[in-house]
């Protein structure tokens, strides 16, 4: 049971981290938030840091769930899957990512 908890947490952190890193980019910020990216430069900088921290915490959660060699493999697969999920969300329904950013700038 504890392994499932850590893996689920790693999935959620990886997805949130990739979404925050995408929202930190000016093009995606304007696409999702429908406002100029220049007005939210500080918020986008915070999102970049939050995204990096979330991905690092996802790696730590993977390490708590399994041995290091398997944890690295699972973490890399989670990175790929969450990047694909965020990319497809940005392509089809970018407004779904709006809820991940409470700070609007």
PDB file of N, CA and C in Angstrom:
ATOM      1  N   UNK A   1       0.800  -1.213   0.000  1.00  0.00           N
ATOM      2  CA  UNK A   1       0.000   0.000   0.000  1.00  0.00           C
ATOM      3  C   UNK A   1       0.839   1.272   0.000  1.00  0.00           C
ATOM      4  N   UNK A   2       1.906   1.346   0.817  1.00  0.00           N
ATOM      5  CA  UNK A   2       2.690   2.589   0.805  1.00  0.00           C
ATOM      6  C   UNK A   2       3.327   2.863  -0.562  1.00  0.00           C
ATOM      7  N   UNK A   3       3.709   1.811  -1.291  1.00  0.00           N
ATOM      8  CA  UNK A   3       4.305   2.022  -2.610  1.00  0.00           C
ATOM      9  C   UNK A   3       3.308   2.679  -3.557  1.00  0.00           C
ATOM     10  N   UNK A   4       2.061   2.243  -3.487  1.00  0.00           N
ATOM     11  CA  UNK A   4       1.028   2.824  -4.355  1.00  0.00           C
ATOM     12  C   UNK A   4       0.810   4.297  -4.028  1.00  0.00           C
ATOM     13  N   UNK A   5       0.847   4.636  -2.758  1.00  0.00           N
ATOM     14  CA  UNK A   5       0.692   6.032  -2.362  1.00  0.00           C
ATOM     15  C   UNK A   5       1.816   6.888  -2.934  1.00  0.00           C
ATOM     16  N   UNK A   6       3.063   6.418  -2.785  1.00  0.00           N
ATOM     17  CA  UNK A   6       4.205   7.192  -3.268  1.00  0.00           C
ATOM     18  C   UNK A   6       4.195   7.307  -4.787  1.00  0.00           C
ATOM     19  N   UNK A   7       3.777   6.254  -5.466  1.00  0.00           N
ATOM     20  CA  UNK A   7       3.720   6.320  -6.930  1.00  0.00           C
ATOM     21  C   UNK A   7       2.608   7.253  -7.408  1.00  0.00           C
ATOM     22  N   UNK A   8       1.469   7.233  -6.737  1.00  0.00           N
ATOM     23  CA  UNK A   8       0.393   8.161  -7.090  1.00  0.00           C
ATOM     24  C   UNK A   8       0.824   9.605  -6.844  1.00  0.00           C
ATOM     25  N   UNK A   9       1.497   9.840  -5.728  1.00  0.00           N
ATOM     26  CA  UNK A   9       2.011  11.176  -5.433  1.00  0.00           C
ATOM     27  C   UNK A   9       3.032  11.604  -6.486  1.00  0.00           C
ATOM     28  N   UNK A  10       3.880  10.686  -6.911  1.00  0.00           N
ATOM     29  CA  UNK A  10       4.867  10.996  -7.951  1.00  0.00           C
ATOM     30  C   UNK A  10       4.177  11.347  -9.267  1.00  0.00           C
ATOM     31  N   UNK A  11       3.110  10.636  -9.596  1.00  0.00           N
ATOM     32  CA  UNK A  11       2.354  10.941 -10.823  1.00  0.00           C
ATOM     33  C   UNK A  11       1.761  12.345 -10.765  1.00  0.00           C
ATOM     34  N   UNK A  12       1.141  12.672  -9.663  1.00  0.00           N
ATOM     35  CA  UNK A  12       0.519  13.989  -9.526  1.00  0.00           C
ATOM     36  C   UNK A  12       1.555  15.109  -9.523  1.00  0.00           C
ATOM     37  N   UNK A  13       2.666  14.893  -8.831  1.00  0.00           N
ATOM     38  CA  UNK A  13       3.715  15.909  -8.804  1.00  0.00           C
ATOM     39  C   UNK A  13       4.356  16.096 -10.174  1.00  0.00           C
ATOM     40  N   UNK A  14       4.535  15.001 -10.885  1.00  0.00           N
ATOM     41  CA  UNK A  14       5.125  15.094 -12.224  1.00  0.00           C
ATOM     42  C   UNK A  14       4.204  15.843 -13.181  1.00  0.00           C
ATOM     43  N   UNK A  15       2.931  15.544 -13.117  1.00  0.00           N
ATOM     44  CA  UNK A  15       1.972  16.230 -13.982  1.00  0.00           C
ATOM     45  C   UNK A  15       1.885  17.718 -13.641  1.00  0.00           C
ATOM     46  N   UNK A  16       1.806  18.039 -12.365  1.00  0.00           N
ATOM     47  CA  UNK A  16       1.753  19.441 -11.955  1.00  0.00           C
ATOM     48  C   UNK A  16       3.055  20.163 -12.312  1.00  0.00           C
ATOM     49  N   UNK A  17       4.175  19.507 -12.122  1.00  0.00           N
ATOM     50  CA  UNK A  17       5.457  20.127 -12.442  1.00  0.00           C
ATOM     51  C   UNK A  17       5.591  20.444 -13.919  1.00  0.00           C
ATOM     52  N   UNK A  18       5.191  19.530 -14.770  1.00  0.00           N
ATOM     53  CA  UNK A  18       5.258  19.791 -16.214  1.00  0.00           C
ATOM     54  C   UNK A  18       4.281  20.901 -16.618  1.00  0.00           C
ATOM     55  N   UNK A  19       3.116  20.908 -16.012  1.00  0.00           N
ATOM     56  CA  UNK A  19       2.146  21.959 -16.328  1.00  0.00           C
ATOM     57  C   UNK A  19       2.666  23.323 -15.878  1.00  0.00           C
ATOM     58  N   UNK A  20       3.278  23.388 -14.689  1.00  0.00           N
ATOM     59  CA  UNK A  20       3.821  24.661 -14.212  1.00  0.00           C
ATOM     60  C   UNK A  20       4.978  25.127 -15.078  1.00  0.00           C
ATOM     61  N   UNK A  21       5.818  24.202 -15.528  1.00  0.00           N
ATOM     62  CA  UNK A  21       6.911  24.592 -16.426  1.00  0.00           C
ATOM     63  C   UNK A  21       6.371  25.086 -17.764  1.00  0.00           C
ATOM     64  N   UNK A  22       5.295  24.482 -18.236  1.00  0.00           N
ATOM     65  CA  UNK A  22       4.690  24.951 -19.487  1.00  0.00           C
ATOM     66  C   UNK A  22       4.080  26.339 -19.304  1.00  0.00           C
ATOM     67  N   UNK A  23       3.406  26.557 -18.184  1.00  0.00           N
ATOM     68  CA  UNK A  23       2.803  27.872 -17.931  1.00  0.00           C
ATOM     69  C   UNK A  23       3.850  28.952 -17.696  1.00  0.00           C
ATOM     70  N   UNK A  24       5.065  28.564 -17.368  1.00  0.00           N
ATOM     71  CA  UNK A  24       6.134  29.535 -17.185  1.00  0.00           C
ATOM     72  C   UNK A  24       6.614  30.094 -18.522  1.00  0.00           C
ATOM     73  N   UNK A  25       6.257  29.454 -19.617  1.00  0.00           N
ATOM     74  CA  UNK A  25       6.632  29.949 -20.942  1.00  0.00           C
ATOM     75  C   UNK A  25       5.609  30.991 -21.396  1.00  0.00           C
ATOM     76  N   UNK A  26       6.107  32.048 -22.019  1.00  0.00           N
ATOM     77  CA  UNK A  26       5.245  33.169 -22.399  1.00  0.00           C
ATOM     78  C   UNK A  26       4.127  32.745 -23.341  1.00  0.00           C
ATOM     79  N   UNK A  27       4.431  31.921 -24.313  1.00  0.00           N
ATOM     80  CA  UNK A  27       3.422  31.505 -25.297  1.00  0.00           C
ATOM     81  C   UNK A  27       2.291  30.728 -24.632  1.00  0.00           C
ATOM     82  N   UNK A  28       2.657  29.798 -23.775  1.00  0.00           N
ATOM     83  CA  UNK A  28       1.623  28.991 -23.118  1.00  0.00           C
ATOM     84  C   UNK A  28       0.864  29.796 -22.074  1.00  0.00           C
ATOM     85  N   UNK A  29       1.544  30.734 -21.406  1.00  0.00           N
ATOM     86  CA  UNK A  29       0.848  31.588 -20.438  1.00  0.00           C
ATOM     87  C   UNK A  29      -0.270  32.371 -21.133  1.00  0.00           C
ATOM     88  N   UNK A  30       0.065  32.993 -22.272  1.00  0.00           N
ATOM     89  CA  UNK A  30      -0.941  33.765 -23.000  1.00  0.00           C
ATOM     90  C   UNK A  30      -2.058  32.869 -23.526  1.00  0.00           C
ATOM     91  N   UNK A  31      -1.723  31.662 -23.942  1.00  0.00           N
ATOM     92  CA  UNK A  31      -2.711  30.726 -24.469  1.00  0.00           C
ATOM     93  C   UNK A  31      -3.694  30.282 -23.386  1.00  0.00           C
ATOM     94  N   UNK A  32      -3.184  30.035 -22.191  1.00  0.00           N
ATOM     95  CA  UNK A  32      -4.027  29.507 -21.112  1.00  0.00           C
ATOM     96  C   UNK A  32      -4.720  30.619 -20.335  1.00  0.00           C
ATOM     97  N   UNK A  33      -3.976  31.648 -19.959  1.00  0.00           N
ATOM     98  CA  UNK A  33      -4.518  32.688 -19.088  1.00  0.00           C
ATOM     99  C   UNK A  33      -5.214  33.820 -19.837  1.00  0.00           C
ATOM    100  N   UNK A  34      -5.038  33.906 -21.133  1.00  0.00           N
ATOM    101  CA  UNK A  34      -5.668  34.926 -21.971  1.00  0.00           C
ATOM    102  C   UNK A  34      -5.306  36.344 -21.523  1.00  0.00           C
ATOM    103  N   UNK A  35      -4.047  36.521 -21.155  1.00  0.00           N
ATOM    104  CA  UNK A  35      -3.538  37.832 -20.795  1.00  0.00           C
ATOM    105  C   UNK A  35      -2.077  37.916 -21.226  1.00  0.00           C
ATOM    106  N   UNK A  36      -1.557  39.123 -21.427  1.00  0.00           N
ATOM    107  CA  UNK A  36      -0.163  39.259 -21.879  1.00  0.00           C
ATOM    108  C   UNK A  36       0.823  38.682 -20.867  1.00  0.00           C
ATOM    109  N   UNK A  37       1.818  38.002 -21.368  1.00  0.00           N
ATOM    110  CA  UNK A  37       2.805  37.369 -20.496  1.00  0.00           C
ATOM    111  C   UNK A  37       3.695  38.388 -19.799  1.00  0.00           C
ATOM    112  N   UNK A  38       3.863  39.550 -20.396  1.00  0.00           N
ATOM    113  CA  UNK A  38       4.731  40.569 -19.802  1.00  0.00           C
ATOM    114  C   UNK A  38       4.200  41.057 -18.458  1.00  0.00           C
ATOM    115  N   UNK A  39       2.883  41.040 -18.284  1.00  0.00           N
ATOM    116  CA  UNK A  39       2.293  41.497 -17.020  1.00  0.00           C
ATOM    117  C   UNK A  39       2.519  40.500 -15.891  1.00  0.00           C
ATOM    118  N   UNK A  40       2.844  39.257 -16.210  1.00  0.00           N
ATOM    119  CA  UNK A  40       2.962  38.216 -15.192  1.00  0.00           C
ATOM    120  C   UNK A  40       4.365  37.625 -15.142  1.00  0.00           C
ATOM    121  N   UNK A  41       5.374  38.442 -15.342  1.00  0.00           N
ATOM    122  CA  UNK A  41       6.746  37.935 -15.368  1.00  0.00           C
ATOM    123  C   UNK A  41       7.148  37.330 -14.016  1.00  0.00           C
ATOM    124  N   UNK A  42       6.761  37.964 -12.934  1.00  0.00           N
ATOM    125  CA  UNK A  42       7.090  37.444 -11.608  1.00  0.00           C
ATOM    126  C   UNK A  42       6.400  36.128 -11.310  1.00  0.00           C
ATOM    127  N   UNK A  43       5.152  36.031 -11.700  1.00  0.00           N
ATOM    128  CA  UNK A  43       4.398  34.796 -11.477  1.00  0.00           C
ATOM    129  C   UNK A  43       4.995  33.663 -12.298  1.00  0.00           C
ATOM    130  N   UNK A  44       5.395  33.964 -13.504  1.00  0.00           N
ATOM    131  CA  UNK A  44       5.976  32.933 -14.358  1.00  0.00           C
ATOM    132  C   UNK A  44       7.313  32.462 -13.810  1.00  0.00           C
ATOM    133  N   UNK A  45       8.058  33.350 -13.177  1.00  0.00           N
ATOM    134  CA  UNK A  45       9.313  32.946 -12.540  1.00  0.00           C
ATOM    135  C   UNK A  45       9.038  32.012 -11.361  1.00  0.00           C
ATOM    136  N   UNK A  46       8.011  32.318 -10.585  1.00  0.00           N
ATOM    137  CA  UNK A  46       7.612  31.425  -9.488  1.00  0.00           C
ATOM    138  C   UNK A  46       7.141  30.072 -10.016  1.00  0.00           C
ATOM    139  N   UNK A  47       6.439  30.081 -11.133  1.00  0.00           N
ATOM    140  CA  UNK A  47       5.981  28.821 -11.719  1.00  0.00           C
ATOM    141  C   UNK A  47       7.154  27.958 -12.178  1.00  0.00           C
ATOM    142  N   UNK A  48       8.192  28.594 -12.694  1.00  0.00           N
ATOM    143  CA  UNK A  48       9.367  27.837 -13.117  1.00  0.00           C
ATOM    144  C   UNK A  48      10.012  27.139 -11.917  1.00  0.00           C
ATOM    145  N   UNK A  49      10.136  27.857 -10.820  1.00  0.00           N
ATOM    146  CA  UNK A  49      10.700  27.258  -9.610  1.00  0.00           C
ATOM    147  C   UNK A  49       9.809  26.167  -9.035  1.00  0.00           C
ATOM    148  N   UNK A  50       8.495  26.411  -9.038  1.00  0.00           N
ATOM    149  CA  UNK A  50       7.564  25.413  -8.523  1.00  0.00           C
ATOM    150  C   UNK A  50       7.583  24.151  -9.382  1.00  0.00           C
ATOM    151  N   UNK A  51       7.691  24.325 -10.689  1.00  0.00           N
ATOM    152  CA  UNK A  51       7.757  23.167 -11.585  1.00  0.00           C
ATOM    153  C   UNK A  51       8.992  22.332 -11.341  1.00  0.00           C
ATOM    154  N   UNK A  52      10.131  22.995 -11.182  1.00  0.00           N
ATOM    155  CA  UNK A  52      11.370  22.258 -10.914  1.00  0.00           C
ATOM    156  C   UNK A  52      11.303  21.536  -9.572  1.00  0.00           C
ATOM    157  N   UNK A  53      10.756  22.195  -8.566  1.00  0.00           N
ATOM    158  CA  UNK A  53      10.614  21.558  -7.244  1.00  0.00           C
ATOM    159  C   UNK A  53       9.659  20.371  -7.297  1.00  0.00           C
ATOM    160  N   UNK A  54       8.575  20.507  -8.037  1.00  0.00           N
ATOM    161  CA  UNK A  54       7.612  19.413  -8.141  1.00  0.00           C
ATOM    162  C   UNK A  54       8.234  18.205  -8.823  1.00  0.00           C
ATOM    163  N   UNK A  55       9.048  18.432  -9.846  1.00  0.00           N
ATOM    164  CA  UNK A  55       9.693  17.303 -10.520  1.00  0.00           C
ATOM    165  C   UNK A  55      10.733  16.653  -9.618  1.00  0.00           C
ATOM    166  N   UNK A  56      11.438  17.439  -8.829  1.00  0.00           N
ATOM    167  CA  UNK A  56      12.396  16.872  -7.881  1.00  0.00           C
ATOM    168  C   UNK A  56      11.681  16.075  -6.790  1.00  0.00           C
ATOM    169  N   UNK A  57      10.550  16.584  -6.323  1.00  0.00           N
ATOM    170  CA  UNK A  57       9.769  15.845  -5.321  1.00  0.00           C
ATOM    171  C   UNK A  57       9.178  14.571  -5.909  1.00  0.00           C
ATOM    172  N   UNK A  58       8.843  14.585  -7.191  1.00  0.00           N
ATOM    173  CA  UNK A  58       8.366  13.373  -7.849  1.00  0.00           C
ATOM    174  C   UNK A  58       9.467  12.320  -7.879  1.00  0.00           C
ATOM    175  N   UNK A  59      10.692  12.747  -8.127  1.00  0.00           N
ATOM    176  CA  UNK A  59      11.822  11.809  -8.095  1.00  0.00           C
ATOM    177  C   UNK A  59      12.006  11.237  -6.693  1.00  0.00           C
ATOM    178  N   UNK A  60      11.866  12.081  -5.681  1.00  0.00           N
ATOM    179  CA  UNK A  60      11.990  11.605  -4.294  1.00  0.00           C
ATOM    180  C   UNK A  60      10.876  10.617  -3.955  1.00  0.00           C
ATOM    181  N   UNK A  61       9.675  10.878  -4.423  1.00  0.00           N
ATOM    182  CA  UNK A  61       8.566   9.953  -4.165  1.00  0.00           C
ATOM    183  C   UNK A  61       8.808   8.612  -4.854  1.00  0.00           C
ATOM    184  N   UNK A  62       9.369   8.645  -6.046  1.00  0.00           N
ATOM    185  CA  UNK A  62       9.709   7.390  -6.732  1.00  0.00           C
ATOM    186  C   UNK A  62      10.768   6.623  -5.953  1.00  0.00           C
ATOM    187  N   UNK A  63      11.728   7.340  -5.402  1.00  0.00           N
ATOM    188  CA  UNK A  63      12.769   6.684  -4.614  1.00  0.00           C
ATOM    189  C   UNK A  63      12.202   6.063  -3.339  1.00  0.00           C
ATOM    190  N   UNK A  64      11.187   6.669  -2.768  1.00  0.00           N
ATOM    191  CA  UNK A  64      10.558   6.098  -1.574  1.00  0.00           C
ATOM    192  C   UNK A  64       9.701   4.885  -1.910  1.00  0.00           C
ATOM    193  N   UNK A  65       9.266   4.789  -3.153  1.00  0.00           N
ATOM    194  CA  UNK A  65       8.396   3.689  -3.547  1.00  0.00           C
ATOM    195  C   UNK A  65       9.165   2.433  -3.926  1.00  0.00           C
ATOM    196  N   UNK A  66      10.391   2.594  -4.432  1.00  0.00           N
ATOM    197  CA  UNK A  66      11.099   1.433  -4.962  1.00  0.00           C
ATOM    198  C   UNK A  66      12.600   1.630  -4.856  1.00  0.00           C
ATOM    199  N   UNK A  67      13.351   0.614  -5.267  1.00  0.00           N
ATOM    200  CA  UNK A  67      14.817   0.716  -5.239  1.00  0.00           C
ATOM    201  C   UNK A  67      15.279   1.726  -6.293  1.00  0.00           C
ATOM    202  N   UNK A  68      16.476   2.274  -6.131  1.00  0.00           N
ATOM    203  CA  UNK A  68      16.915   3.393  -6.989  1.00  0.00           C
ATOM    204  C   UNK A  68      16.903   3.106  -8.492  1.00  0.00           C
ATOM    205  N   UNK A  69      17.320   1.925  -8.902  1.00  0.00           N
ATOM    206  CA  UNK A  69      17.359   1.658 -10.348  1.00  0.00           C
ATOM    207  C   UNK A  69      15.952   1.659 -10.949  1.00  0.00           C
ATOM    208  N   UNK A  70      15.017   1.072 -10.255  1.00  0.00           N
ATOM    209  CA  UNK A  70      13.638   1.051 -10.737  1.00  0.00           C
ATOM    210  C   UNK A  70      12.993   2.428 -10.591  1.00  0.00           C
ATOM    211  N   UNK A  71      13.326   3.142  -9.516  1.00  0.00           N
ATOM    212  CA  UNK A  71      12.756   4.471  -9.289  1.00  0.00           C
ATOM    213  C   UNK A  71      13.162   5.430 -10.403  1.00  0.00           C
ATOM    214  N   UNK A  72      14.405   5.352 -10.850  1.00  0.00           N
ATOM    215  CA  UNK A  72      14.853   6.219 -11.931  1.00  0.00           C
ATOM    216  C   UNK A  72      14.086   5.930 -13.217  1.00  0.00           C
ATOM    217  N   UNK A  73      13.898   4.655 -13.510  1.00  0.00           N
ATOM    218  CA  UNK A  73      13.152   4.279 -14.706  1.00  0.00           C
ATOM    219  C   UNK A  73      11.705   4.765 -14.635  1.00  0.00           C
ATOM    220  N   UNK A  74      11.064   4.567 -13.507  1.00  0.00           N
ATOM    221  CA  UNK A  74       9.672   5.004 -13.338  1.00  0.00           C
ATOM    222  C   UNK A  74       9.581   6.521 -13.437  1.00  0.00           C
ATOM    223  N   UNK A  75      10.524   7.238 -12.831  1.00  0.00           N
ATOM    224  CA  UNK A  75      10.513   8.701 -12.873  1.00  0.00           C
ATOM    225  C   UNK A  75      10.658   9.212 -14.299  1.00  0.00           C
ATOM    226  N   UNK A  76      11.567   8.613 -15.061  1.00  0.00           N
ATOM    227  CA  UNK A  76      11.741   9.035 -16.453  1.00  0.00           C
ATOM    228  C   UNK A  76      10.490   8.756 -17.283  1.00  0.00           C
ATOM    229  N   UNK A  77       9.846   7.633 -17.040  1.00  0.00           N
ATOM    230  CA  UNK A  77       8.599   7.339 -17.765  1.00  0.00           C
ATOM    231  C   UNK A  77       7.496   8.304 -17.352  1.00  0.00           C
ATOM    232  N   UNK A  78       7.453   8.669 -16.080  1.00  0.00           N
ATOM    233  CA  UNK A  78       6.470   9.658 -15.624  1.00  0.00           C
ATOM    234  C   UNK A  78       6.719  11.015 -16.260  1.00  0.00           C
ATOM    235  N   UNK A  79       7.982  11.394 -16.413  1.00  0.00           N
ATOM    236  CA  UNK A  79       8.299  12.667 -17.068  1.00  0.00           C
ATOM    237  C   UNK A  79       7.782  12.670 -18.503  1.00  0.00           C
ATOM    238  N   UNK A  80       8.019  11.578 -19.214  1.00  0.00           N
ATOM    239  CA  UNK A  80       7.570  11.499 -20.603  1.00  0.00           C
ATOM    240  C   UNK A  80       6.048  11.514 -20.696  1.00  0.00           C
ATOM    241  N   UNK A  81       5.398  10.744 -19.845  1.00  0.00           N
ATOM    242  CA  UNK A  81       3.930  10.667 -19.883  1.00  0.00           C
ATOM    243  C   UNK A  81       3.285  11.996 -19.493  1.00  0.00           C
ATOM    244  N   UNK A  82       3.832  12.651 -18.484  1.00  0.00           N
ATOM    245  CA  UNK A  82       3.230  13.921 -18.069  1.00  0.00           C
ATOM    246  C   UNK A  82       3.514  15.023 -19.086  1.00  0.00           C
ATOM    247  N   UNK A  83       4.672  15.001 -19.723  1.00  0.00           N
ATOM    248  CA  UNK A  83       4.946  15.984 -20.774  1.00  0.00           C
ATOM    249  C   UNK A  83       3.990  15.803 -21.940  1.00  0.00           C
ATOM    250  N   UNK A  84       3.736  14.567 -22.315  1.00  0.00           N
ATOM    251  CA  UNK A  84       2.780  14.298 -23.399  1.00  0.00           C
ATOM    252  C   UNK A  84       1.371  14.735 -23.003  1.00  0.00           C
ATOM    253  N   UNK A  85       0.974  14.458 -21.781  1.00  0.00           N
ATOM    254  CA  UNK A  85      -0.350  14.841 -21.306  1.00  0.00           C
ATOM    255  C   UNK A  85      -0.532  16.364 -21.315  1.00  0.00           C
ATOM    256  N   UNK A  86       0.476  17.079 -20.845  1.00  0.00           N
ATOM    257  CA  UNK A  86       0.393  18.545 -20.832  1.00  0.00           C
ATOM    258  C   UNK A  86       0.379  19.085 -22.262  1.00  0.00           C
ATOM    259  N   UNK A  87       1.188  18.508 -23.128  1.00  0.00           N
ATOM    260  CA  UNK A  87       1.223  18.970 -24.524  1.00  0.00           C
ATOM    261  C   UNK A  87      -0.130  18.760 -25.209  1.00  0.00           C
ATOM    262  N   UNK A  88      -0.737  17.611 -24.994  1.00  0.00           N
ATOM    263  CA  UNK A  88      -2.049  17.355 -25.600  1.00  0.00           C
ATOM    264  C   UNK A  88      -3.128  18.245 -24.986  1.00  0.00           C
ATOM    265  N   UNK A  89      -3.018  18.510 -23.693  1.00  0.00           N
ATOM    266  CA  UNK A  89      -3.972  19.415 -23.052  1.00  0.00           C
ATOM    267  C   UNK A  89      -3.837  20.825 -23.616  1.00  0.00           C
ATOM    268  N   UNK A  90      -2.607  21.269 -23.824  1.00  0.00           N
ATOM    269  CA  UNK A  90      -2.392  22.596 -24.411  1.00  0.00           C
ATOM    270  C   UNK A  90      -2.921  22.665 -25.839  1.00  0.00           C
ATOM    271  N   UNK A  91      -2.868  21.552 -26.549  1.00  0.00           N
ATOM    272  CA  UNK A  91      -3.336  21.547 -27.938  1.00  0.00           C
ATOM    273  C   UNK A  91      -4.860  21.531 -28.028  1.00  0.00           C
ATOM    274  N   UNK A  92      -5.514  20.786 -27.146  1.00  0.00           N
ATOM    275  CA  UNK A  92      -6.957  20.604 -27.287  1.00  0.00           C
ATOM    276  C   UNK A  92      -7.798  21.410 -26.310  1.00  0.00           C
ATOM    277  N   UNK A  93      -7.409  21.471 -25.061  1.00  0.00           N
ATOM    278  CA  UNK A  93      -8.197  22.168 -24.034  1.00  0.00           C
ATOM    279  C   UNK A  93      -7.284  22.953 -23.094  1.00  0.00           C
ATOM    280  N   UNK A  94      -6.675  24.035 -23.567  1.00  0.00           N
ATOM    281  CA  UNK A  94      -5.731  24.762 -22.709  1.00  0.00           C
ATOM    282  C   UNK A  94      -6.375  25.360 -21.460  1.00  0.00           C
ATOM    283  N   UNK A  95      -7.659  25.621 -21.485  1.00  0.00           N
ATOM    284  CA  UNK A  95      -8.321  26.215 -20.315  1.00  0.00           C
ATOM    285  C   UNK A  95      -8.316  25.273 -19.115  1.00  0.00           C
ATOM    286  N   UNK A  96      -8.128  23.983 -19.332  1.00  0.00           N
ATOM    287  CA  UNK A  96      -8.082  23.037 -18.215  1.00  0.00           C
ATOM    288  C   UNK A  96      -6.872  23.287 -17.316  1.00  0.00           C
ATOM    289  N   UNK A  97      -5.826  23.878 -17.849  1.00  0.00           N
ATOM    290  CA  UNK A  97      -4.627  24.148 -17.056  1.00  0.00           C
ATOM    291  C   UNK A  97      -4.749  25.440 -16.250  1.00  0.00           C
ATOM    292  N   UNK A  98      -5.790  26.213 -16.469  1.00  0.00           N
ATOM    293  CA  UNK A  98      -5.956  27.488 -15.784  1.00  0.00           C
ATOM    294  C   UNK A  98      -6.065  27.301 -14.273  1.00  0.00           C
ATOM    295  N   UNK A  99      -6.660  26.237 -13.834  1.00  0.00           N
ATOM    296  CA  UNK A  99      -6.833  25.989 -12.405  1.00  0.00           C
ATOM    297  C   UNK A  99      -5.540  25.669 -11.665  1.00  0.00           C
ATOM    298  N   UNK A 100      -4.488  25.311 -12.392  1.00  0.00           N
ATOM    299  CA  UNK A 100      -3.214  24.999 -11.742  1.00  0.00           C
ATOM    300  C   UNK A 100      -2.421  26.226 -11.338  1.00  0.00           C
ATOM    301  N   UNK A 101      -2.900  27.379 -11.727  1.00  0.00           N
ATOM    302  CA  UNK A 101      -2.180  28.611 -11.401  1.00  0.00           C
ATOM    303  C   UNK A 101      -3.104  29.541 -10.629  1.00  0.00           C
ATOM    304  N   UNK A 102      -2.977  29.542  -9.325  1.00  0.00           N
ATOM    305  CA  UNK A 102      -3.828  30.397  -8.507  1.00  0.00           C
ATOM    306  C   UNK A 102      -3.376  31.862  -8.598  1.00  0.00           C
ATOM    307  N   UNK A 103      -2.089  32.070  -8.853  1.00  0.00           N
ATOM    308  CA  UNK A 103      -1.557  33.413  -8.987  1.00  0.00           C
ATOM    309  C   UNK A 103      -1.680  33.863 -10.431  1.00  0.00           C
ATOM    310  N   UNK A 104      -2.375  34.919 -10.668  1.00  0.00           N
ATOM    311  CA  UNK A 104      -2.618  35.342 -12.061  1.00  0.00           C
ATOM    312  C   UNK A 104      -1.731  36.494 -12.496  1.00  0.00           C
ATOM    313  N   UNK A 105      -1.024  37.114 -11.617  1.00  0.00           N
ATOM    314  CA  UNK A 105      -0.133  38.212 -12.010  1.00  0.00           C
ATOM    315  C   UNK A 105      -0.807  39.552 -12.050  1.00  0.00           C
TER     316      UNK A 105
END
